[in-house]
C-alpha cells in the first residue's frame, strides 16, 4: 500500500533535534509527551533540556510559553517550591490521542499539511485529516502548473492531470524531477508520477465511502506521504534562475 512506501521516512523523521521551524509550545508539548514534566521543573531546567537537544531560547520567552501551558485547556500545572515556580504535568500520557498528537508534533510535516490536517488529527478525525492532506497536494499540483485544462476548457483532475503534469513519454513534463537524460531518469519520473496518481484514488475512496479511519500510525504515514509530495512540488516546480548578465 502507499503508506508503506514512506514508513522508513517517517521513522527517521520522528526526532526532536535541529528543527529550525520548531516553536517553544510544540517543544514543550514534546517534553510533556516524553514524561519530562512528571516531576516539577523550573524554567532553567526546561532551558537546559532544550539546549541539550539543540534549541536555545531566552528565559522570558520560555516563561511566557510555560504560563500559556498552565491555562485551563493546557497540559501543565504550576507549583511553588521555595522561591521558584515549577511546572508539572496535569496528567500522565495515557491515551492514544495524546500519543498521536505527540507523533504529529514531532514530525516536521510540510507547513501546508500542518495547516490543513492538524485540527482534524487533534480531534481524532483521521479520515478528515488524510482527506484534507491529499486534496491539498492535488490542488497544489494544479496551482503550480496554472490549473491546466482539457480540450473542452475544463480543469484537468485525477489521472489526466498527473499524466499531463508529470508524464515524460512523448511529451515534456510540466514538472520534472531530474534531467530525464537516461532510462533510469525516466523510470524515476514515472515512479514519482505514480505516487501522485495513487493519492488520487485514495482521495476518491475516502471522499465517497462512509467508514471510520482509526489507525493512528497509518494516518501518520498517509500524512507523511502527502508531506513528501508537497516538498517535491516545492523543490522541482521552482522557476528557473535568471542568468547573470
Protein backbone atom coordinates (compact mmCIF):
# COMPACT_ATOMS: atom_id res chain seq x y z
CA UNK A 1 0.00 0.00 0.00
CA UNK A 2 1.06 3.62 -0.49
CA UNK A 3 1.79 4.37 3.19
CA UNK A 4 4.44 1.64 3.39
CA UNK A 5 6.45 3.41 0.70
CA UNK A 6 7.35 6.16 3.13
CA UNK A 7 7.20 4.41 6.51
CA UNK A 8 11.00 4.42 6.76
CA UNK A 9 10.99 8.16 6.03
CA UNK A 10 8.58 8.67 8.93
CA UNK A 11 10.62 6.60 11.36
CA UNK A 12 13.80 8.53 10.63
CA UNK A 13 12.00 11.87 10.82
CA UNK A 14 10.48 11.39 14.29
CA UNK A 15 13.29 13.16 16.10
CA UNK A 16 13.40 16.21 18.28
CA UNK A 17 16.59 17.83 17.07
CA UNK A 18 17.84 20.57 14.78
CA UNK A 19 14.42 21.63 13.52
CA UNK A 20 14.68 25.34 12.80
CA UNK A 21 10.91 25.65 12.48
CA UNK A 22 10.13 24.19 15.92
CA UNK A 23 8.22 26.52 18.24
CA UNK A 24 8.51 26.68 22.01
CA UNK A 25 4.91 25.46 22.61
CA UNK A 26 5.49 22.47 20.35
CA UNK A 27 8.77 21.61 22.05
CA UNK A 28 7.17 21.88 25.49
CA UNK A 29 4.41 19.54 24.33
CA UNK A 30 7.02 17.04 23.16
CA UNK A 31 8.80 17.24 26.53
CA UNK A 32 5.46 16.59 28.22
CA UNK A 33 4.80 13.62 25.96
CA UNK A 34 8.24 12.25 26.81
CA UNK A 35 7.47 12.46 30.55
CA UNK A 36 9.88 15.31 31.29
CA UNK A 37 7.25 17.10 33.41
CA UNK A 38 6.40 14.04 35.51
CA UNK A 39 8.20 15.93 38.31
CA UNK A 40 8.31 19.70 38.87
CA UNK A 41 10.68 21.62 36.59
CA UNK A 42 11.69 25.26 36.74
CA UNK A 43 12.49 27.47 33.77
CA UNK A 44 16.22 26.82 33.96
CA UNK A 45 15.70 23.04 33.86
CA UNK A 46 13.47 23.37 30.84
CA UNK A 47 16.02 25.63 29.17
CA UNK A 48 18.85 23.18 29.87
CA UNK A 49 16.90 20.23 28.45
CA UNK A 50 16.04 22.10 25.26
CA UNK A 51 19.61 23.34 24.91
CA UNK A 52 20.84 19.73 25.18
CA UNK A 53 18.82 18.90 22.07
CA UNK A 54 19.99 21.94 20.13
CA UNK A 55 17.35 24.57 20.97
CA UNK A 56 18.26 27.82 22.70
CA UNK A 57 15.64 30.30 23.90
CA UNK A 58 15.78 33.19 26.36
CA UNK A 59 14.16 32.66 29.76
CA UNK A 60 11.44 35.26 29.22
CA UNK A 61 10.16 33.52 26.08
CA UNK A 62 10.19 30.17 27.86
CA UNK A 63 8.36 31.63 30.85
CA UNK A 64 5.59 33.03 28.65
CA UNK A 65 5.15 29.70 26.86
CA UNK A 66 5.11 27.77 30.14
CA UNK A 67 2.46 30.07 31.58
CA UNK A 68 0.31 29.53 28.50
CA UNK A 69 0.63 25.78 29.01
CA UNK A 70 -0.82 26.29 32.51
CA UNK A 71 -4.11 27.66 31.17
CA UNK A 72 -7.26 25.58 31.87
CA UNK A 73 -7.03 23.89 28.47
CA UNK A 74 -3.26 23.36 28.83
CA UNK A 75 -1.25 20.32 29.88
CA UNK A 76 0.82 21.74 32.80
CA UNK A 77 0.22 22.92 36.36
CA UNK A 78 2.34 25.37 38.33
CA UNK A 79 3.60 24.84 41.91
CA UNK A 80 5.89 26.92 44.09
CA UNK A 81 8.99 25.23 45.50
CA UNK A 82 10.89 27.56 47.80
CA UNK A 83 11.25 30.83 45.93
CA UNK A 84 10.76 29.31 42.46
CA UNK A 85 7.77 28.42 40.38
CA UNK A 86 7.95 24.95 38.84
CA UNK A 87 5.86 23.24 36.21
CA UNK A 88 4.46 19.72 36.34
CA UNK A 89 2.13 17.71 34.13
CA UNK A 90 -1.59 17.84 34.90
CA UNK A 91 -1.96 14.21 33.95
CA UNK A 92 0.21 11.37 32.59
CA UNK A 93 0.24 10.40 28.93
CA UNK A 94 -2.17 7.51 28.71
CA UNK A 95 -4.45 7.91 25.71
CA UNK A 96 -3.85 7.10 22.06
CA UNK A 97 -4.95 10.62 21.21
CA UNK A 98 -2.17 12.05 23.39
CA UNK A 99 0.34 9.75 21.74
CA UNK A 100 -0.96 10.62 18.28
CA UNK A 101 -0.72 14.35 18.89
CA UNK A 102 2.84 13.73 20.03
CA UNK A 103 3.70 11.92 16.83
CA UNK A 104 2.21 14.75 14.78
CA UNK A 105 4.14 17.32 16.81
CA UNK A 106 7.48 15.51 16.46
CA UNK A 107 7.35 15.05 12.70
CA UNK A 108 8.06 18.25 10.80
CA UNK A 109 5.28 17.97 8.22
CA UNK A 110 5.22 20.39 5.30
CA UNK A 111 3.61 23.66 6.51
CA UNK A 112 0.58 23.26 4.24
CA UNK A 113 -0.08 19.74 5.54
CA UNK A 114 0.10 21.01 9.12
CA UNK A 115 -2.29 23.80 8.27
CA UNK A 116 -4.97 21.67 6.62
CA UNK A 117 -4.71 18.45 8.66
CA UNK A 118 -3.66 19.15 12.25
CA UNK A 119 -7.02 20.29 13.58
CA UNK A 120 -8.76 17.20 12.25
CA UNK A 121 -5.97 14.96 13.54
CA UNK A 122 -6.12 16.52 17.00
CA UNK A 123 -9.91 16.00 17.03
CA UNK A 124 -9.37 12.30 16.22
CA UNK A 125 -10.89 12.80 12.75
CA UNK A 126 -8.21 10.78 10.99
CA UNK A 127 -10.25 10.32 7.82
CA UNK A 128 -10.71 14.09 7.54
CA UNK A 129 -7.01 14.73 8.15
CA UNK A 130 -5.99 12.34 5.38
CA UNK A 131 -8.62 13.68 3.01
CA UNK A 132 -7.59 17.30 3.57
CA UNK A 133 -3.91 16.50 3.09
CA UNK A 134 -4.39 14.62 -0.18
CA UNK A 135 -6.77 17.22 -1.58
CA UNK A 136 -4.19 19.90 -0.76
CA UNK A 137 -1.44 18.05 -2.65
CA UNK A 138 -3.63 17.63 -5.73
CA UNK A 139 -4.69 21.27 -5.60
CA UNK A 140 -1.08 22.41 -5.35
CA UNK A 141 -0.22 20.38 -8.46
CA UNK A 142 -2.88 22.44 -10.24
CA UNK A 143 -1.75 25.74 -8.73
CA UNK A 144 1.92 25.24 -9.60
CA UNK A 145 1.03 24.44 -13.22
CA UNK A 146 -1.54 27.24 -13.57
CA UNK A 147 -4.55 24.92 -13.49
CA UNK A 148 -4.21 23.15 -16.85
CA UNK A 149 -7.38 22.46 -18.85
CA UNK A 150 -8.54 19.78 -21.24
CA UNK A 151 -9.63 20.34 -24.86
CA UNK A 152 -13.08 21.43 -23.66
CA UNK A 153 -11.71 24.09 -21.32
CA UNK A 154 -12.40 22.12 -18.13
CA UNK A 155 -9.85 21.87 -15.33
CA UNK A 156 -7.83 18.67 -15.50
CA UNK A 157 -8.06 16.37 -12.49
CA UNK A 158 -7.18 12.85 -11.44
CA UNK A 159 -5.03 10.67 -13.68
CA UNK A 160 -5.43 13.06 -16.60
CA UNK A 161 -3.94 15.87 -14.54
CA UNK A 162 -0.99 13.78 -13.34
CA UNK A 163 -0.26 12.44 -16.81
CA UNK A 164 -0.32 15.98 -18.20
CA UNK A 165 1.93 17.41 -15.49
CA UNK A 166 4.42 14.60 -14.89
CA UNK A 167 4.26 12.36 -17.98
CA UNK A 168 7.59 12.02 -19.76
CA UNK A 169 6.75 9.66 -22.63
CA UNK A 170 6.38 11.50 -25.94
CA UNK A 171 5.98 14.79 -24.10
CA UNK A 172 7.88 17.26 -21.98
CA UNK A 173 6.56 17.19 -18.39
CA UNK A 174 5.44 20.40 -16.76
CA UNK A 175 7.32 19.35 -13.61
CA UNK A 176 10.31 17.05 -13.88
CA UNK A 177 12.28 15.53 -11.03
CA UNK A 178 15.58 15.02 -12.85
CA UNK A 179 17.23 15.72 -16.21
CA UNK A 180 15.38 12.84 -17.96
CA UNK A 181 18.53 12.01 -19.90
CA UNK A 182 18.63 8.28 -19.20
CA UNK A 183 16.16 5.40 -18.96
CA UNK A 184 16.69 5.38 -15.19
CA UNK A 185 15.83 9.08 -15.03
CA UNK A 186 12.59 8.40 -16.87
CA UNK A 187 11.83 5.42 -14.64
CA UNK A 188 12.19 7.66 -11.59
CA UNK A 189 9.94 10.29 -13.17
CA UNK A 190 7.26 7.67 -13.86
CA UNK A 191 7.59 6.25 -10.37
CA UNK A 192 7.06 9.61 -8.70
CA UNK A 193 4.21 10.37 -11.10
CA UNK A 194 2.54 7.15 -9.98
CA UNK A 195 2.76 8.28 -6.36
CA UNK A 196 0.78 11.38 -7.28
CA UNK A 197 -1.66 9.28 -9.33
CA UNK A 198 -2.02 6.90 -6.41
CA UNK A 199 -3.20 9.55 -3.96
CA UNK A 200 -5.99 10.48 -6.38
CA UNK A 201 -7.53 7.04 -5.91
CA UNK A 202 -7.08 7.23 -2.14
CA UNK A 203 -8.68 10.69 -2.10
CA UNK A 204 -11.66 9.48 -4.10
CA UNK A 205 -12.25 6.44 -1.89
CA UNK A 206 -12.08 8.41 1.34
CA UNK A 207 -14.36 11.07 -0.07
CA UNK A 208 -17.10 8.75 -1.31
CA UNK A 209 -17.19 5.88 1.21
CA UNK A 210 -18.63 6.24 4.72
CA UNK A 211 -16.19 4.48 7.05
CA UNK A 212 -14.20 5.08 10.21
CA UNK A 213 -10.44 5.58 9.98
CA UNK A 214 -8.99 4.79 13.40
CA UNK A 215 -5.47 3.53 12.69
CA UNK A 216 -3.24 6.24 14.17
CA UNK A 217 0.09 5.12 12.71
CA UNK A 218 -1.37 4.50 9.27
CA UNK A 219 -2.82 8.02 9.37
CA UNK A 220 0.60 9.47 10.20
CA UNK A 221 2.08 7.56 7.28
CA UNK A 222 -0.57 8.86 4.86
CA UNK A 223 0.20 12.38 6.06
CA UNK A 224 3.94 11.80 5.70
CA UNK A 225 3.40 10.73 2.10
CA UNK A 226 1.38 13.89 1.45
CA UNK A 227 4.13 15.95 3.08
CA UNK A 228 6.80 14.32 0.91
CA UNK A 229 4.83 15.03 -2.26
CA UNK A 230 4.38 18.66 -1.22
CA UNK A 231 8.13 19.05 -0.67
CA UNK A 232 8.85 17.51 -4.07
CA UNK A 233 6.47 20.02 -5.65
CA UNK A 234 8.21 22.88 -3.88
CA UNK A 235 11.66 21.67 -4.86
CA UNK A 236 11.09 20.86 -8.51
CA UNK A 237 8.46 23.37 -9.62
CA UNK A 238 10.56 26.45 -8.90
CA UNK A 239 11.01 28.82 -11.84
CA UNK A 240 14.48 28.67 -13.42
CA UNK A 241 17.01 31.12 -12.07
CA UNK A 242 17.87 34.06 -14.30
CA UNK A 243 21.31 34.00 -15.72
CA UNK A 244 23.63 36.73 -14.54
CA UNK A 245 24.48 39.23 -17.22
